[in-house]
Amino acid sequence: MTISRRHLFATGAMLAGAAASLPLAAGRAQAQPAPSPAAPPVGQLPSAYRYKVGDAMVTAFSDGAFSRPVDASFVRNATVEEVKKALADAHLPTDTLQISFTTLVVETGSSKILIDAGFADNGPPTAGRMLSAMEMAGLKPADITHVLISHFHGDHIAGLRRKDGTATFPNAEVLVPEPEWAYWMDDGKMAQAPEGLKGNFSAVRRVFAPMAPSVRRFAWGKEVLPGITAVEASGHTPGHTAFAVTTGGGKLLVLSDTTNVPYLFVRYPEWQVMFDMDPELARSNRRRLLDMAASEGMQVAGYHFPFPATGFIGRDGKGYALDPVVWRAAL
């Protein structure tokens, strides 16, 4: 239907006439009922949280979450009853487990360093929220100068490339752990991999094959970018890496997937999550890194911690506890 100027004027005159005919009370137009509020949006709003680490500005971006049932397969060496009790002790549902995804941007000088790439537009319906959160925070994908990858699971690398194949962060140098690259880009290991891992091998190639010549690989124990050192955290995957951010007297240990959800694997560091490829090595490195954070008073960030996914580690009996940061309005 086409609306003409004549129709608009006629409609305006009709509305004016209707207003003039409204009944009056005490010389004033009768009050009209307030309009109904708009329906709330479906899902959560984009989430970003800034905090300082020494001279660096760190921004946590929520990439959403994924829920899975709590069953006997999730923790290899604990009963489902023990897992449900740990969740109940943390005042969490015991039938489903929400696993959050949180990326970080570390700003130092002119560098804007993204640690892990999230999903972009490749994730499940409740994930892939990071780019919206970045936009809300005034940060464009083209602003990112470096992307540091902790390991090659899909929720950490899929966001490097959009569904149409284009690079999500077109101006960024991509840096990856050397042992992780050596494992997942090895054709022989792909051919011998169990069926459950073949999909991840294929996903790694989809993401990295077009950019392989420009990807910079780094070793553990080295400063990969100014103020950021790669820390061995293998076991979750062969090259799984944590990062120590040290600048201006501040210290942040980015644990990546060292603990998965903290109310299970910080509190019970001996528990082995189903995603760990070498469960015993993952357990050993998890305890080492949690002990280092507790001993040195380092702030920590965890990819699967509840948003904003940062706090401090304290000792608690045979395990540890996460003390979340207090939300601050001022930096």
C-alpha atoms as a PDB file:
ATOM      1  CA  MET A   1       0.000   0.000   0.000  1.00  0.00           C
ATOM      2  CA  THR A   2       1.358   3.461  -1.037  1.00  0.00           C
ATOM      3  CA  ILE A   3       0.710   6.355   1.330  1.00  0.00           C
ATOM      4  CA  SER A   4       0.220   9.674  -0.496  1.00  0.00           C
ATOM      5  CA  ARG A   5       0.597  13.223   0.843  1.00  0.00           C
ATOM      6  CA  ARG A   6      -3.203  13.602   0.584  1.00  0.00           C
ATOM      7  CA  HIS A   7      -3.670  10.461   2.729  1.00  0.00           C
ATOM      8  CA  LEU A   8      -1.232  11.786   5.306  1.00  0.00           C
ATOM      9  CA  PHE A   9      -3.009  15.168   5.537  1.00  0.00           C
ATOM     10  CA  ALA A  10      -6.413  13.493   5.720  1.00  0.00           C
ATOM     11  CA  THR A  11      -5.216  11.205   8.474  1.00  0.00           C
ATOM     12  CA  GLY A  12      -3.785  14.172  10.374  1.00  0.00           C
ATOM     13  CA  ALA A  13      -7.093  16.075  10.153  1.00  0.00           C
ATOM     14  CA  MET A  14      -9.017  13.015  11.337  1.00  0.00           C
ATOM     15  CA  LEU A  15      -6.686  12.593  14.360  1.00  0.00           C
ATOM     16  CA  ALA A  16      -7.022  16.306  15.198  1.00  0.00           C
ATOM     17  CA  GLY A  17     -10.805  16.043  15.026  1.00  0.00           C
ATOM     18  CA  ALA A  18     -10.786  12.967  17.242  1.00  0.00           C
ATOM     19  CA  ALA A  19      -8.675  14.794  19.823  1.00  0.00           C
ATOM     20  CA  ALA A  20     -11.069  17.771  19.828  1.00  0.00           C
ATOM     21  CA  SER A  21     -14.026  15.495  20.521  1.00  0.00           C
ATOM     22  CA  LEU A  22     -12.507  13.858  23.646  1.00  0.00           C
ATOM     23  CA  PRO A  23     -14.555  14.490  26.790  1.00  0.00           C
ATOM     24  CA  LEU A  24     -13.131  17.145  29.128  1.00  0.00           C
ATOM     25  CA  ALA A  25     -12.882  17.018  32.890  1.00  0.00           C
ATOM     26  CA  ALA A  26     -12.422  20.290  34.800  1.00  0.00           C
ATOM     27  CA  GLY A  27     -11.410  21.959  31.563  1.00  0.00           C
ATOM     28  CA  ARG A  28      -8.612  19.480  30.836  1.00  0.00           C
ATOM     29  CA  ALA A  29      -8.386  16.511  28.499  1.00  0.00           C
ATOM     30  CA  GLN A  30      -9.139  13.233  30.200  1.00  0.00           C
ATOM     31  CA  ALA A  31      -5.951  11.329  31.024  1.00  0.00           C
ATOM     32  CA  GLN A  32      -5.256   8.408  28.720  1.00  0.00           C
ATOM     33  CA  PRO A  33      -3.835   5.095  29.923  1.00  0.00           C
ATOM     34  CA  ALA A  34      -0.064   4.796  29.661  1.00  0.00           C
ATOM     35  CA  PRO A  35       1.189   2.630  26.804  1.00  0.00           C
ATOM     36  CA  SER A  36       2.178  -0.891  27.685  1.00  0.00           C
ATOM     37  CA  PRO A  37       5.933  -1.343  28.109  1.00  0.00           C
ATOM     38  CA  ALA A  38       7.785  -2.978  25.240  1.00  0.00           C
ATOM     39  CA  ALA A  39       8.391  -6.676  25.560  1.00  0.00           C
ATOM     40  CA  PRO A  40      11.829  -7.415  27.017  1.00  0.00           C
ATOM     41  CA  PRO A  41      14.451  -8.621  24.538  1.00  0.00           C
ATOM     42  CA  VAL A  42      15.012 -12.334  24.254  1.00  0.00           C
ATOM     43  CA  GLY A  43      18.276 -13.427  25.872  1.00  0.00           C
ATOM     44  CA  GLN A  44      20.909 -11.402  27.708  1.00  0.00           C
ATOM     45  CA  LEU A  45      22.282  -8.059  26.628  1.00  0.00           C
ATOM     46  CA  PRO A  46      25.893  -7.828  25.381  1.00  0.00           C
ATOM     47  CA  SER A  47      28.306  -7.880  28.298  1.00  0.00           C
ATOM     48  CA  ALA A  48      31.688  -6.182  28.731  1.00  0.00           C
ATOM     49  CA  TYR A  49      33.681  -5.439  31.886  1.00  0.00           C
ATOM     50  CA  ARG A  50      36.883  -3.387  32.161  1.00  0.00           C
ATOM     51  CA  TYR A  51      39.585  -3.653  34.802  1.00  0.00           C
ATOM     52  CA  LYS A  52      43.186  -2.504  35.151  1.00  0.00           C
ATOM     53  CA  VAL A  53      46.201  -4.786  35.468  1.00  0.00           C
ATOM     54  CA  GLY A  54      49.102  -2.483  36.181  1.00  0.00           C
ATOM     55  CA  ASP A  55      49.437  -0.232  33.141  1.00  0.00           C
ATOM     56  CA  ALA A  56      47.214  -2.414  30.960  1.00  0.00           C
ATOM     57  CA  MET A  57      43.484  -2.080  30.437  1.00  0.00           C
ATOM     58  CA  VAL A  58      41.751  -5.458  30.280  1.00  0.00           C
ATOM     59  CA  THR A  59      38.225  -5.838  28.920  1.00  0.00           C
ATOM     60  CA  ALA A  60      36.318  -9.081  29.391  1.00  0.00           C
ATOM     61  CA  PHE A  61      33.732  -9.825  26.714  1.00  0.00           C
ATOM     62  CA  SER A  62      31.025 -12.427  27.208  1.00  0.00           C
ATOM     63  CA  ASP A  63      30.624 -14.704  24.198  1.00  0.00           C
ATOM     64  CA  GLY A  64      27.527 -16.275  25.712  1.00  0.00           C
ATOM     65  CA  ALA A  65      27.188 -19.727  27.235  1.00  0.00           C
ATOM     66  CA  PHE A  66      26.190 -23.298  26.580  1.00  0.00           C
ATOM     67  CA  SER A  67      24.182 -25.612  28.814  1.00  0.00           C
ATOM     68  CA  ARG A  68      24.677 -29.354  29.085  1.00  0.00           C
ATOM     69  CA  PRO A  69      23.071 -31.989  31.305  1.00  0.00           C
ATOM     70  CA  VAL A  70      24.851 -33.039  34.479  1.00  0.00           C
ATOM     71  CA  ASP A  71      25.543 -36.710  33.897  1.00  0.00           C
ATOM     72  CA  ALA A  72      28.109 -39.360  34.704  1.00  0.00           C
ATOM     73  CA  SER A  73      30.280 -38.505  31.698  1.00  0.00           C
ATOM     74  CA  PHE A  74      31.224 -34.933  32.641  1.00  0.00           C
ATOM     75  CA  VAL A  75      33.702 -35.691  35.451  1.00  0.00           C
ATOM     76  CA  ARG A  76      35.674 -38.874  34.818  1.00  0.00           C
ATOM     77  CA  ASN A  77      36.812 -39.634  38.363  1.00  0.00           C
ATOM     78  CA  ALA A  78      33.868 -38.476  40.480  1.00  0.00           C
ATOM     79  CA  THR A  79      30.363 -39.864  40.762  1.00  0.00           C
ATOM     80  CA  VAL A  80      27.461 -37.882  39.405  1.00  0.00           C
ATOM     81  CA  GLU A  81      26.161 -37.648  42.974  1.00  0.00           C
ATOM     82  CA  GLU A  82      29.420 -35.988  44.080  1.00  0.00           C
ATOM     83  CA  VAL A  83      29.245 -33.555  41.178  1.00  0.00           C
ATOM     84  CA  LYS A  84      25.632 -32.657  41.941  1.00  0.00           C
ATOM     85  CA  LYS A  85      26.482 -32.082  45.598  1.00  0.00           C
ATOM     86  CA  ALA A  86      29.300 -29.707  44.593  1.00  0.00           C
ATOM     87  CA  LEU A  87      26.865 -27.785  42.395  1.00  0.00           C
ATOM     88  CA  ALA A  88      24.256 -27.667  45.159  1.00  0.00           C
ATOM     89  CA  ASP A  89      26.910 -26.410  47.602  1.00  0.00           C
ATOM     90  CA  ALA A  90      27.551 -23.568  45.144  1.00  0.00           C
ATOM     91  CA  HIS A  91      23.781 -22.841  44.995  1.00  0.00           C
ATOM     92  CA  LEU A  92      23.622 -23.913  41.349  1.00  0.00           C
ATOM     93  CA  PRO A  93      21.169 -26.166  39.497  1.00  0.00           C
ATOM     94  CA  THR A  94      22.069 -29.827  39.710  1.00  0.00           C
ATOM     95  CA  ASP A  95      20.394 -31.059  36.533  1.00  0.00           C
ATOM     96  CA  THR A  96      22.080 -28.763  34.005  1.00  0.00           C
ATOM     97  CA  LEU A  97      25.462 -27.041  33.934  1.00  0.00           C
ATOM     98  CA  GLN A  98      25.997 -23.687  32.240  1.00  0.00           C
ATOM     99  CA  ILE A  99      29.437 -23.277  30.715  1.00  0.00           C
ATOM    100  CA  SER A 100      30.281 -19.640  29.996  1.00  0.00           C
ATOM    101  CA  PHE A 101      32.682 -18.277  27.359  1.00  0.00           C
ATOM    102  CA  THR A 102      34.706 -15.115  28.056  1.00  0.00           C
ATOM    103  CA  THR A 103      37.384 -13.582  25.850  1.00  0.00           C
ATOM    104  CA  LEU A 104      39.776 -10.815  26.888  1.00  0.00           C
ATOM    105  CA  VAL A 105      41.232  -7.773  25.172  1.00  0.00           C
ATOM    106  CA  VAL A 106      44.441  -6.472  26.727  1.00  0.00           C
ATOM    107  CA  GLU A 107      45.328  -2.903  25.731  1.00  0.00           C
ATOM    108  CA  THR A 108      48.930  -1.824  26.186  1.00  0.00           C
ATOM    109  CA  GLY A 109      50.175   1.249  24.365  1.00  0.00           C
ATOM    110  CA  SER A 110      48.896   1.041  20.797  1.00  0.00           C
ATOM    111  CA  SER A 111      48.327  -2.727  20.949  1.00  0.00           C
ATOM    112  CA  LYS A 112      44.901  -4.282  21.381  1.00  0.00           C
ATOM    113  CA  ILE A 113      45.488  -7.980  22.066  1.00  0.00           C
ATOM    114  CA  LEU A 114      42.568 -10.405  21.950  1.00  0.00           C
ATOM    115  CA  ILE A 115      43.128 -13.586  23.976  1.00  0.00           C
ATOM    116  CA  ASP A 116      41.091 -16.334  22.290  1.00  0.00           C
ATOM    117  CA  ALA A 117      38.636 -15.635  19.510  1.00  0.00           C
ATOM    118  CA  GLY A 118      35.319 -17.048  20.712  1.00  0.00           C
ATOM    119  CA  PHE A 119      32.756 -18.155  18.144  1.00  0.00           C
ATOM    120  CA  ALA A 120      31.992 -15.043  16.024  1.00  0.00           C
ATOM    121  CA  ASP A 121      28.947 -16.192  13.996  1.00  0.00           C
ATOM    122  CA  ASN A 122      29.836 -19.904  14.151  1.00  0.00           C
ATOM    123  CA  GLY A 123      28.522 -20.859  17.580  1.00  0.00           C
ATOM    124  CA  PRO A 124      25.405 -22.372  19.109  1.00  0.00           C
ATOM    125  CA  PRO A 125      22.350 -20.073  19.453  1.00  0.00           C
ATOM    126  CA  THR A 126      23.253 -19.022  23.008  1.00  0.00           C
ATOM    127  CA  ALA A 127      26.856 -18.145  22.107  1.00  0.00           C
ATOM    128  CA  GLY A 128      28.623 -15.911  19.598  1.00  0.00           C
ATOM    129  CA  ARG A 129      27.855 -12.711  21.547  1.00  0.00           C
ATOM    130  CA  MET A 130      31.390 -11.284  21.720  1.00  0.00           C
ATOM    131  CA  LEU A 131      31.235  -9.102  18.603  1.00  0.00           C
ATOM    132  CA  SER A 132      28.045  -7.419  19.849  1.00  0.00           C
ATOM    133  CA  ALA A 133      29.708  -6.798  23.207  1.00  0.00           C
ATOM    134  CA  MET A 134      32.765  -5.332  21.484  1.00  0.00           C
ATOM    135  CA  GLU A 135      30.575  -3.011  19.435  1.00  0.00           C
ATOM    136  CA  MET A 136      28.819  -1.838  22.587  1.00  0.00           C
ATOM    137  CA  ALA A 137      32.239  -1.085  24.109  1.00  0.00           C
ATOM    138  CA  GLY A 138      33.306   0.951  21.078  1.00  0.00           C
ATOM    139  CA  LEU A 139      35.811  -1.622  19.800  1.00  0.00           C
ATOM    140  CA  LYS A 140      35.768  -2.770  16.185  1.00  0.00           C
ATOM    141  CA  PRO A 141      37.187  -6.100  14.970  1.00  0.00           C
ATOM    142  CA  ALA A 142      39.535  -4.110  12.726  1.00  0.00           C
ATOM    143  CA  ASP A 143      40.997  -2.449  15.848  1.00  0.00           C
ATOM    144  CA  ILE A 144      42.472  -5.732  17.118  1.00  0.00           C
ATOM    145  CA  THR A 145      46.232  -5.822  16.482  1.00  0.00           C
ATOM    146  CA  HIS A 146      47.006  -9.345  17.761  1.00  0.00           C
ATOM    147  CA  VAL A 147      45.063 -12.506  18.577  1.00  0.00           C
ATOM    148  CA  LEU A 148      46.659 -14.874  21.081  1.00  0.00           C
ATOM    149  CA  ILE A 149      45.234 -18.401  20.967  1.00  0.00           C
ATOM    150  CA  SER A 150      45.471 -20.679  24.013  1.00  0.00           C
ATOM    151  CA  HIS A 151      44.511 -23.906  22.224  1.00  0.00           C
ATOM    152  CA  PHE A 152      42.620 -25.175  19.203  1.00  0.00           C
ATOM    153  CA  HIS A 153      39.193 -26.136  20.541  1.00  0.00           C
ATOM    154  CA  GLY A 154      36.343 -24.646  18.530  1.00  0.00           C
ATOM    155  CA  ASP A 155      35.104 -22.222  21.180  1.00  0.00           C
ATOM    156  CA  HIS A 156      38.557 -20.582  21.140  1.00  0.00           C
ATOM    157  CA  ILE A 157      39.358 -20.505  17.397  1.00  0.00           C
ATOM    158  CA  ALA A 158      36.082 -20.531  15.434  1.00  0.00           C
ATOM    159  CA  GLY A 159      35.768 -16.767  15.791  1.00  0.00           C
ATOM    160  CA  LEU A 160      38.923 -16.144  13.781  1.00  0.00           C
ATOM    161  CA  ARG A 161      36.875 -16.720  10.636  1.00  0.00           C
ATOM    162  CA  ARG A 162      33.246 -15.940   9.862  1.00  0.00           C
ATOM    163  CA  LYS A 163      30.833 -18.346   8.226  1.00  0.00           C
ATOM    164  CA  ASP A 164      31.539 -16.804   4.820  1.00  0.00           C
ATOM    165  CA  GLY A 165      35.260 -17.538   5.255  1.00  0.00           C
ATOM    166  CA  THR A 166      36.450 -13.973   5.757  1.00  0.00           C
ATOM    167  CA  ALA A 167      38.813 -13.060   8.569  1.00  0.00           C
ATOM    168  CA  THR A 168      36.991 -11.625  11.575  1.00  0.00           C
ATOM    169  CA  PHE A 169      39.990  -9.549  12.695  1.00  0.00           C
ATOM    170  CA  PRO A 170      41.505  -8.450   9.380  1.00  0.00           C
ATOM    171  CA  ASN A 171      44.381  -6.397  10.781  1.00  0.00           C
ATOM    172  CA  ALA A 172      45.491  -8.783  13.527  1.00  0.00           C
ATOM    173  CA  GLU A 173      48.566 -10.960  13.717  1.00  0.00           C
ATOM    174  CA  VAL A 174      47.571 -14.425  14.977  1.00  0.00           C
ATOM    175  CA  LEU A 175      49.870 -16.149  17.479  1.00  0.00           C
ATOM    176  CA  VAL A 176      49.497 -19.809  18.514  1.00  0.00           C
ATOM    177  CA  PRO A 177      51.363 -22.310  20.747  1.00  0.00           C
ATOM    178  CA  GLU A 178      53.961 -24.284  18.799  1.00  0.00           C
ATOM    179  CA  PRO A 179      53.010 -27.671  20.376  1.00  0.00           C
ATOM    180  CA  GLU A 180      49.335 -27.073  19.577  1.00  0.00           C
ATOM    181  CA  TRP A 181      50.094 -26.277  15.943  1.00  0.00           C
ATOM    182  CA  ALA A 182      52.387 -29.289  15.638  1.00  0.00           C
ATOM    183  CA  TYR A 183      49.660 -31.646  16.869  1.00  0.00           C
ATOM    184  CA  TRP A 184      46.526 -30.408  15.109  1.00  0.00           C
ATOM    185  CA  MET A 185      48.175 -29.554  11.775  1.00  0.00           C
ATOM    186  CA  ASP A 186      49.862 -32.965  11.490  1.00  0.00           C
ATOM    187  CA  ASP A 187      48.209 -35.015   8.737  1.00  0.00           C
ATOM    188  CA  GLY A 188      49.441 -38.273  10.242  1.00  0.00           C
ATOM    189  CA  LYS A 189      47.862 -37.529  13.615  1.00  0.00           C
ATOM    190  CA  MET A 190      44.639 -36.553  11.865  1.00  0.00           C
ATOM    191  CA  ALA A 191      44.575 -39.885   9.990  1.00  0.00           C
ATOM    192  CA  GLN A 192      45.144 -41.845  13.214  1.00  0.00           C
ATOM    193  CA  ALA A 193      42.782 -39.784  15.399  1.00  0.00           C
ATOM    194  CA  PRO A 194      39.762 -41.422  17.025  1.00  0.00           C
ATOM    195  CA  GLU A 195      36.435 -40.569  15.462  1.00  0.00           C
ATOM    196  CA  GLY A 196      35.589 -38.101  18.227  1.00  0.00           C
ATOM    197  CA  LEU A 197      38.586 -35.893  17.356  1.00  0.00           C
ATOM    198  CA  LYS A 198      38.352 -35.892  13.556  1.00  0.00           C
ATOM    199  CA  GLY A 199      35.822 -33.059  13.549  1.00  0.00           C
ATOM    200  CA  ASN A 200      38.185 -30.845  15.523  1.00  0.00           C
ATOM    201  CA  PHE A 201      41.051 -31.597  13.121  1.00  0.00           C
ATOM    202  CA  SER A 202      38.803 -30.515  10.232  1.00  0.00           C
ATOM    203  CA  ALA A 203      37.721 -27.353  12.049  1.00  0.00           C
ATOM    204  CA  VAL A 204      41.349 -26.426  12.740  1.00  0.00           C
ATOM    205  CA  ARG A 205      42.158 -26.692   9.053  1.00  0.00           C
ATOM    206  CA  ARG A 206      39.135 -24.621   8.044  1.00  0.00           C
ATOM    207  CA  VAL A 207      40.289 -21.818  10.331  1.00  0.00           C
ATOM    208  CA  PHE A 208      44.057 -21.896   9.841  1.00  0.00           C
ATOM    209  CA  ALA A 209      44.745 -23.219   6.325  1.00  0.00           C
ATOM    210  CA  PRO A 210      44.033 -19.866   4.581  1.00  0.00           C
ATOM    211  CA  MET A 211      46.310 -17.963   6.978  1.00  0.00           C
ATOM    212  CA  ALA A 212      48.950 -20.621   7.705  1.00  0.00           C
ATOM    213  CA  PRO A 213      51.957 -18.724   6.268  1.00  0.00           C
ATOM    214  CA  SER A 214      51.271 -15.675   8.451  1.00  0.00           C
ATOM    215  CA  VAL A 215      50.521 -17.452  11.745  1.00  0.00           C
ATOM    216  CA  ARG A 216      53.274 -16.885  14.319  1.00  0.00           C
ATOM    217  CA  ARG A 217      54.039 -19.816  16.595  1.00  0.00           C
ATOM    218  CA  PHE A 218      55.485 -19.340  20.069  1.00  0.00           C
ATOM    219  CA  ALA A 219      57.193 -21.456  22.721  1.00  0.00           C
ATOM    220  CA  TRP A 220      56.304 -21.784  26.390  1.00  0.00           C
ATOM    221  CA  GLY A 221      58.282 -19.695  28.849  1.00  0.00           C
ATOM    222  CA  LYS A 222      58.814 -16.881  26.350  1.00  0.00           C
ATOM    223  CA  GLU A 223      57.444 -13.352  26.270  1.00  0.00           C
ATOM    224  CA  VAL A 224      55.216 -13.592  23.196  1.00  0.00           C
ATOM    225  CA  LEU A 225      54.206  -9.922  23.267  1.00  0.00           C
ATOM    226  CA  PRO A 226      55.415  -7.126  25.565  1.00  0.00           C
ATOM    227  CA  GLY A 227      54.231  -7.940  29.090  1.00  0.00           C
ATOM    228  CA  ILE A 228      52.648 -11.295  28.121  1.00  0.00           C
ATOM    229  CA  THR A 229      54.426 -14.608  28.727  1.00  0.00           C
ATOM    230  CA  ALA A 230      53.227 -18.030  27.537  1.00  0.00           C
ATOM    231  CA  VAL A 231      52.893 -20.536  30.405  1.00  0.00           C
ATOM    232  CA  GLU A 232      52.704 -24.286  29.849  1.00  0.00           C
ATOM    233  CA  ALA A 233      49.284 -25.684  30.802  1.00  0.00           C
ATOM    234  CA  SER A 234      49.176 -28.837  28.684  1.00  0.00           C
ATOM    235  CA  GLY A 235      46.896 -31.798  29.273  1.00  0.00           C
ATOM    236  CA  HIS A 236      43.623 -30.224  28.261  1.00  0.00           C
ATOM    237  CA  THR A 237      45.155 -30.371  24.781  1.00  0.00           C
ATOM    238  CA  PRO A 238      48.785 -31.090  23.792  1.00  0.00           C
ATOM    239  CA  GLY A 239      49.654 -27.399  23.524  1.00  0.00           C
ATOM    240  CA  HIS A 240      47.165 -25.810  25.897  1.00  0.00           C
ATOM    241  CA  THR A 241      48.638 -22.537  27.165  1.00  0.00           C
ATOM    242  CA  ALA A 242      48.006 -20.047  29.952  1.00  0.00           C
ATOM    243  CA  PHE A 243      49.275 -16.454  29.810  1.00  0.00           C
ATOM    244  CA  ALA A 244      50.913 -14.320  32.498  1.00  0.00           C
ATOM    245  CA  VAL A 245      50.191 -10.623  31.971  1.00  0.00           C
ATOM    246  CA  THR A 246      52.671  -8.538  33.989  1.00  0.00           C
ATOM    247  CA  THR A 247      52.781  -4.792  33.552  1.00  0.00           C
ATOM    248  CA  GLY A 248      53.247  -1.794  35.819  1.00  0.00           C
ATOM    249  CA  GLY A 249      53.353  -3.957  38.929  1.00  0.00           C
ATOM    250  CA  GLY A 250      50.095  -5.752  38.075  1.00  0.00           C
ATOM    251  CA  LYS A 251      49.875  -9.524  37.539  1.00  0.00           C
ATOM    252  CA  LEU A 252      47.103 -11.466  35.817  1.00  0.00           C
ATOM    253  CA  LEU A 253      47.226 -15.192  35.107  1.00  0.00           C
ATOM    254  CA  VAL A 254      44.936 -16.052  32.204  1.00  0.00           C
ATOM    255  CA  LEU A 255      44.131 -19.694  32.983  1.00  0.00           C
ATOM    256  CA  SER A 256      42.341 -20.392  29.696  1.00  0.00           C
ATOM    257  CA  ASP A 257      40.722 -23.860  30.151  1.00  0.00           C
ATOM    258  CA  THR A 258      42.951 -24.982  33.029  1.00  0.00           C
ATOM    259  CA  THR A 259      39.942 -25.420  35.326  1.00  0.00           C
ATOM    260  CA  ASN A 260      36.785 -25.353  33.214  1.00  0.00           C
ATOM    261  CA  VAL A 261      33.979 -24.281  35.610  1.00  0.00           C
ATOM    262  CA  PRO A 262      35.586 -23.146  38.903  1.00  0.00           C
ATOM    263  CA  TYR A 263      32.976 -24.400  41.375  1.00  0.00           C
ATOM    264  CA  LEU A 264      33.976 -27.908  40.329  1.00  0.00           C
ATOM    265  CA  PHE A 265      37.604 -27.852  39.179  1.00  0.00           C
ATOM    266  CA  VAL A 266      39.013 -25.095  41.397  1.00  0.00           C
ATOM    267  CA  ARG A 267      37.284 -26.508  44.464  1.00  0.00           C
ATOM    268  CA  TYR A 268      38.223 -30.074  43.467  1.00  0.00           C
ATOM    269  CA  PRO A 269      41.422 -29.753  41.381  1.00  0.00           C
ATOM    270  CA  GLU A 270      41.900 -33.550  41.213  1.00  0.00           C
ATOM    271  CA  TRP A 271      38.674 -33.982  39.249  1.00  0.00           C
ATOM    272  CA  GLN A 272      39.126 -34.709  35.568  1.00  0.00           C
ATOM    273  CA  VAL A 273      36.763 -33.092  33.078  1.00  0.00           C
ATOM    274  CA  MET A 274      35.705 -35.038  29.997  1.00  0.00           C
ATOM    275  CA  PHE A 275      37.323 -32.496  27.640  1.00  0.00           C
ATOM    276  CA  ASP A 276      40.899 -33.079  28.890  1.00  0.00           C
ATOM    277  CA  MET A 277      42.888 -35.135  26.378  1.00  0.00           C
ATOM    278  CA  ASP A 278      45.510 -36.139  28.958  1.00  0.00           C
ATOM    279  CA  PRO A 279      43.582 -36.033  32.256  1.00  0.00           C
ATOM    280  CA  GLU A 280      46.515 -36.754  34.566  1.00  0.00           C
ATOM    281  CA  LEU A 281      48.763 -34.118  32.975  1.00  0.00           C
ATOM    282  CA  ALA A 282      45.896 -31.629  33.048  1.00  0.00           C
ATOM    283  CA  ARG A 283      45.346 -32.349  36.751  1.00  0.00           C
ATOM    284  CA  SER A 284      49.035 -31.857  37.553  1.00  0.00           C
ATOM    285  CA  ASN A 285      49.271 -28.568  35.669  1.00  0.00           C
ATOM    286  CA  ARG A 286      45.980 -27.333  37.104  1.00  0.00           C
ATOM    287  CA  ARG A 287      47.224 -27.781  40.658  1.00  0.00           C
ATOM    288  CA  ARG A 288      50.569 -26.165  39.775  1.00  0.00           C
ATOM    289  CA  LEU A 289      48.953 -23.082  38.261  1.00  0.00           C
ATOM    290  CA  LEU A 290      46.350 -22.676  40.991  1.00  0.00           C
ATOM    291  CA  ASP A 291      49.074 -22.977  43.608  1.00  0.00           C
ATOM    292  CA  MET A 292      51.170 -20.380  41.771  1.00  0.00           C
ATOM    293  CA  ALA A 293      48.234 -17.959  41.641  1.00  0.00           C
ATOM    294  CA  ALA A 294      47.488 -18.466  45.341  1.00  0.00           C
ATOM    295  CA  SER A 295      51.139 -18.147  46.390  1.00  0.00           C
ATOM    296  CA  GLU A 296      51.861 -15.038  44.345  1.00  0.00           C
ATOM    297  CA  GLY A 297      48.514 -13.318  44.902  1.00  0.00           C
ATOM    298  CA  MET A 298      47.933 -13.134  41.157  1.00  0.00           C
ATOM    299  CA  GLN A 299      44.582 -12.115  39.803  1.00  0.00           C
ATOM    300  CA  VAL A 300      43.248 -14.838  37.511  1.00  0.00           C
ATOM    301  CA  ALA A 301      40.916 -15.004  34.536  1.00  0.00           C
ATOM    302  CA  GLY A 302      39.252 -18.198  33.335  1.00  0.00           C
ATOM    303  CA  TYR A 303      37.605 -18.707  29.976  1.00  0.00           C
ATOM    304  CA  HIS A 304      34.729 -20.699  31.518  1.00  0.00           C
ATOM    305  CA  PHE A 305      34.400 -18.778  34.784  1.00  0.00           C
ATOM    306  CA  PRO A 306      31.112 -16.945  35.425  1.00  0.00           C
ATOM    307  CA  PHE A 307      31.248 -13.486  33.856  1.00  0.00           C
ATOM    308  CA  PRO A 308      33.272 -11.276  34.273  1.00  0.00           C
ATOM    309  CA  ALA A 309      35.400 -14.372  34.752  1.00  0.00           C
ATOM    310  CA  THR A 310      38.078 -12.954  37.039  1.00  0.00           C
ATOM    311  CA  GLY A 311      39.076 -13.051  40.692  1.00  0.00           C
ATOM    312  CA  PHE A 312      41.707 -14.434  43.059  1.00  0.00           C
ATOM    313  CA  ILE A 313      42.584 -17.970  44.132  1.00  0.00           C
ATOM    314  CA  GLY A 314      42.699 -18.945  47.799  1.00  0.00           C
ATOM    315  CA  ARG A 315      43.497 -22.274  49.404  1.00  0.00           C
ATOM    316  CA  ASP A 316      40.546 -24.175  50.832  1.00  0.00           C
ATOM    317  CA  GLY A 317      41.270 -27.512  52.478  1.00  0.00           C
ATOM    318  CA  LYS A 318      42.632 -29.920  49.876  1.00  0.00           C
ATOM    319  CA  GLY A 319      41.448 -27.669  47.068  1.00  0.00           C
ATOM    320  CA  TYR A 320      41.149 -24.005  46.250  1.00  0.00           C
ATOM    321  CA  ALA A 321      38.446 -21.365  46.080  1.00  0.00           C
ATOM    322  CA  LEU A 322      37.779 -18.572  43.632  1.00  0.00           C
ATOM    323  CA  ASP A 323      37.120 -15.181  45.204  1.00  0.00           C
ATOM    324  CA  PRO A 324      35.398 -13.183  42.427  1.00  0.00           C
ATOM    325  CA  VAL A 325      36.318  -9.551  41.886  1.00  0.00           C
ATOM    326  CA  VAL A 326      33.941  -6.905  43.221  1.00  0.00           C
ATOM    327  CA  TRP A 327      32.287  -4.985  40.401  1.00  0.00           C
ATOM    328  CA  ARG A 328      33.682  -1.454  40.302  1.00  0.00           C
ATOM    329  CA  ALA A 329      32.062   1.521  38.611  1.00  0.00           C
ATOM    330  CA  ALA A 330      35.353   3.459  38.467  1.00  0.00           C
ATOM    331  CA  LEU A 331      38.702   2.211  37.218  1.00  0.00           C
END
